[in-house]
Amino acid sequence: MTQATLSVELMAPINGQAIDLAQTLDPLINQGLMGSGVAIEPIGNRIVAPCNGIIDTIAATGHQLTIISKHGVSIRIIIGHDGLATHGVGYHKKVEVGSKVTTGQTLIELDTLKLKKQLKSMTVAVLVTKGALKLLPQWGSKRAGEDLLLKVIIKKTQIKE
């Protein structure tokens, strides 16, 4: 019996170059212990929603957030290596837990000058932590909210109308 599946598209949350997670500095991310996905070497200064969904969590510092898509896919975005050490300086949150968001909507604005002084790396990790059967990364140069970053294959039964 073949399982019915559906492809969910996640757009890039920031302008930049999509790279393999193995190239990130954080061992929890580069070894896949926090989820599977793609990293982006950013050239932009705002994080946007990669899909329609609801903000499930957002770190007090603003360096990390989780979105739950209408399909039940959990997407965690982690901004910079060791972002917790910034104590939130350089991250300007534009949403809060429970906010409904649409693809391309600004979630966090970044003060890149401040962050580059504080962080070892500005790499943004986009991790799927729940709901995926398979991920199909799309490599290369990306525009925030416009270019496909990941195709997430899910079970059709996960769809929430």
Protein backbone atom coordinates (compact mmCIF):
# COMPACT_ATOMS: atom_id res chain seq x y z
CA MET A 1 0.00 0.00 0.00
CA THR A 2 1.39 3.38 -1.00
CA GLN A 3 1.26 6.21 1.50
CA ALA A 4 -0.45 9.39 0.25
CA THR A 5 1.93 12.34 0.52
CA LEU A 6 1.92 16.06 -0.10
CA SER A 7 4.73 18.53 -0.79
CA VAL A 8 4.87 21.65 1.40
CA GLU A 9 7.07 24.49 0.18
CA LEU A 10 9.19 26.58 2.53
CA MET A 11 10.58 29.83 1.15
CA ALA A 12 13.90 31.34 2.20
CA PRO A 13 13.52 33.35 5.44
CA ILE A 14 16.41 35.71 4.54
CA ASN A 15 18.39 36.77 1.47
CA GLY A 16 21.56 34.75 1.06
CA GLN A 17 23.24 31.55 -0.09
CA ALA A 18 21.68 28.20 0.90
CA ILE A 19 24.30 25.79 2.25
CA ASP A 20 24.40 22.37 3.88
CA LEU A 21 23.86 22.27 7.66
CA ALA A 22 27.19 20.45 7.97
CA GLN A 23 28.90 23.76 7.16
CA THR A 24 27.54 25.52 10.28
CA LEU A 25 29.64 26.06 13.42
CA ASP A 26 27.15 24.74 15.98
CA PRO A 27 27.65 20.98 16.51
CA LEU A 28 24.01 20.53 17.57
CA ILE A 29 22.94 21.90 14.19
CA ASN A 30 25.65 20.52 11.91
CA GLN A 31 25.15 16.99 13.28
CA GLY A 32 21.37 17.18 12.84
CA LEU A 33 20.56 16.92 16.55
CA MET A 34 18.13 19.87 16.44
CA GLY A 35 16.39 18.84 13.22
CA SER A 36 17.01 18.51 9.51
CA GLY A 37 17.11 21.36 7.05
CA VAL A 38 19.26 23.98 5.37
CA ALA A 39 21.47 26.85 6.48
CA ILE A 40 21.76 30.25 4.83
CA GLU A 41 24.78 32.54 4.75
CA PRO A 42 22.77 35.76 4.98
CA ILE A 43 23.20 38.98 3.07
CA GLY A 44 19.93 40.48 4.31
CA ASN A 45 18.80 42.02 7.56
CA ARG A 46 15.31 40.67 8.09
CA ILE A 47 13.92 37.25 8.83
CA VAL A 48 10.60 36.56 7.12
CA ALA A 49 8.07 33.74 7.45
CA PRO A 50 8.98 30.81 5.17
CA CYS A 51 5.32 29.75 5.06
CA ASN A 52 1.88 30.57 6.42
CA GLY A 53 1.54 29.50 10.03
CA ILE A 54 1.46 30.43 13.69
CA ILE A 55 4.41 31.50 15.85
CA ASP A 56 4.73 28.68 18.39
CA THR A 57 7.82 29.89 20.28
CA ILE A 58 10.16 32.85 20.17
CA ALA A 59 13.25 33.21 22.33
CA ALA A 60 13.30 36.20 24.68
CA THR A 61 16.55 37.21 22.96
CA GLY A 62 14.95 36.98 19.50
CA HIS A 63 17.66 34.70 18.10
CA GLN A 64 15.36 31.70 17.61
CA LEU A 65 11.70 31.03 16.78
CA THR A 66 9.40 28.21 15.77
CA ILE A 67 6.51 28.33 13.30
CA ILE A 68 3.84 25.65 12.98
CA SER A 69 2.48 25.47 9.42
CA LYS A 70 -1.17 24.72 8.64
CA HIS A 71 0.06 21.22 7.75
CA GLY A 72 1.47 20.66 11.25
CA VAL A 73 5.10 20.98 10.15
CA SER A 74 7.29 22.55 12.84
CA ILE A 75 9.96 24.91 11.47
CA ARG A 76 12.67 26.29 13.77
CA ILE A 77 14.75 29.26 12.63
CA ILE A 78 18.00 29.89 14.50
CA ILE A 79 19.82 33.13 13.73
CA GLY A 80 23.59 33.16 14.24
CA HIS A 81 26.00 30.94 16.13
CA ASP A 82 25.64 31.38 19.91
CA GLY A 83 22.92 34.03 19.55
CA LEU A 84 21.90 33.52 23.17
CA ALA A 85 25.11 35.28 24.26
CA THR A 86 23.92 38.54 22.64
CA HIS A 87 21.20 38.93 25.30
CA GLY A 88 18.90 40.08 22.49
CA VAL A 89 21.03 43.03 21.37
CA GLY A 90 20.70 43.25 17.58
CA TYR A 91 17.43 41.29 17.25
CA HIS A 92 14.18 43.26 16.89
CA LYS A 93 11.10 41.02 17.16
CA LYS A 94 8.09 41.98 15.03
CA VAL A 95 5.81 39.11 16.12
CA GLU A 96 4.92 37.30 19.32
CA VAL A 97 3.84 33.80 20.30
CA GLY A 98 0.42 33.06 18.82
CA SER A 99 0.77 35.51 15.91
CA LYS A 100 -0.62 34.26 12.60
CA VAL A 101 1.94 34.90 9.89
CA THR A 102 1.97 34.77 6.11
CA THR A 103 4.80 33.84 3.77
CA GLY A 104 7.20 36.76 3.43
CA GLN A 105 5.96 38.62 6.55
CA THR A 106 8.79 40.15 8.59
CA LEU A 107 9.36 38.25 11.85
CA ILE A 108 12.65 39.69 13.12
CA GLU A 109 14.76 42.61 11.96
CA LEU A 110 18.50 42.29 12.45
CA ASP A 111 21.02 44.96 13.32
CA THR A 112 23.75 43.27 11.34
CA LEU A 113 26.52 45.65 12.44
CA LYS A 114 25.92 44.83 16.11
CA LEU A 115 25.41 41.13 15.49
CA LYS A 116 28.55 40.71 13.36
CA LYS A 117 30.60 42.13 16.25
CA GLN A 118 29.04 39.68 18.74
CA LEU A 119 28.61 36.43 16.81
CA LYS A 120 31.17 33.99 15.45
CA SER A 121 28.82 33.41 12.51
CA MET A 122 25.62 35.02 11.21
CA THR A 123 24.49 31.77 9.55
CA VAL A 124 20.73 31.20 9.75
CA ALA A 125 19.58 27.59 10.23
CA VAL A 126 16.13 26.55 8.99
CA LEU A 127 15.25 23.27 10.67
CA VAL A 128 12.22 21.04 10.30
CA THR A 129 11.75 19.49 13.72
CA LYS A 130 8.40 17.72 13.30
CA GLY A 131 6.07 16.49 10.60
CA ALA A 132 8.36 15.68 7.67
CA LEU A 133 8.78 12.34 5.93
CA LYS A 134 11.48 13.72 3.63
CA LEU A 135 13.20 17.04 2.88
CA LEU A 136 14.27 18.19 -0.58
CA PRO A 137 16.67 21.14 -0.20
CA GLN A 138 17.05 23.73 -2.94
CA TRP A 139 20.62 25.09 -2.99
CA GLY A 140 21.99 28.38 -4.26
CA SER A 141 21.23 32.08 -4.00
CA LYS A 142 17.90 32.89 -2.32
CA ARG A 143 15.61 35.92 -1.91
CA ALA A 144 13.65 36.18 1.31
CA GLY A 145 10.01 35.11 0.99
CA GLU A 146 10.32 34.55 -2.76
CA ASP A 147 12.67 31.66 -3.49
CA LEU A 148 12.02 28.03 -2.60
CA LEU A 149 14.40 26.75 0.09
CA LEU A 150 12.91 23.37 1.08
CA LYS A 151 10.25 21.03 -0.19
CA VAL A 152 8.88 19.10 2.79
CA ILE A 153 7.17 15.80 2.02
CA ILE A 154 4.42 15.04 4.57
CA LYS A 155 1.59 12.54 5.01
CA LYS A 156 -1.68 13.82 3.54
CA THR A 157 -3.41 13.03 6.84
CA GLN A 158 -1.44 15.85 8.53
CA ILE A 159 -3.38 18.58 6.74
CA LYS A 160 -5.40 20.80 9.07
CA GLU A 161 -8.16 22.70 7.28
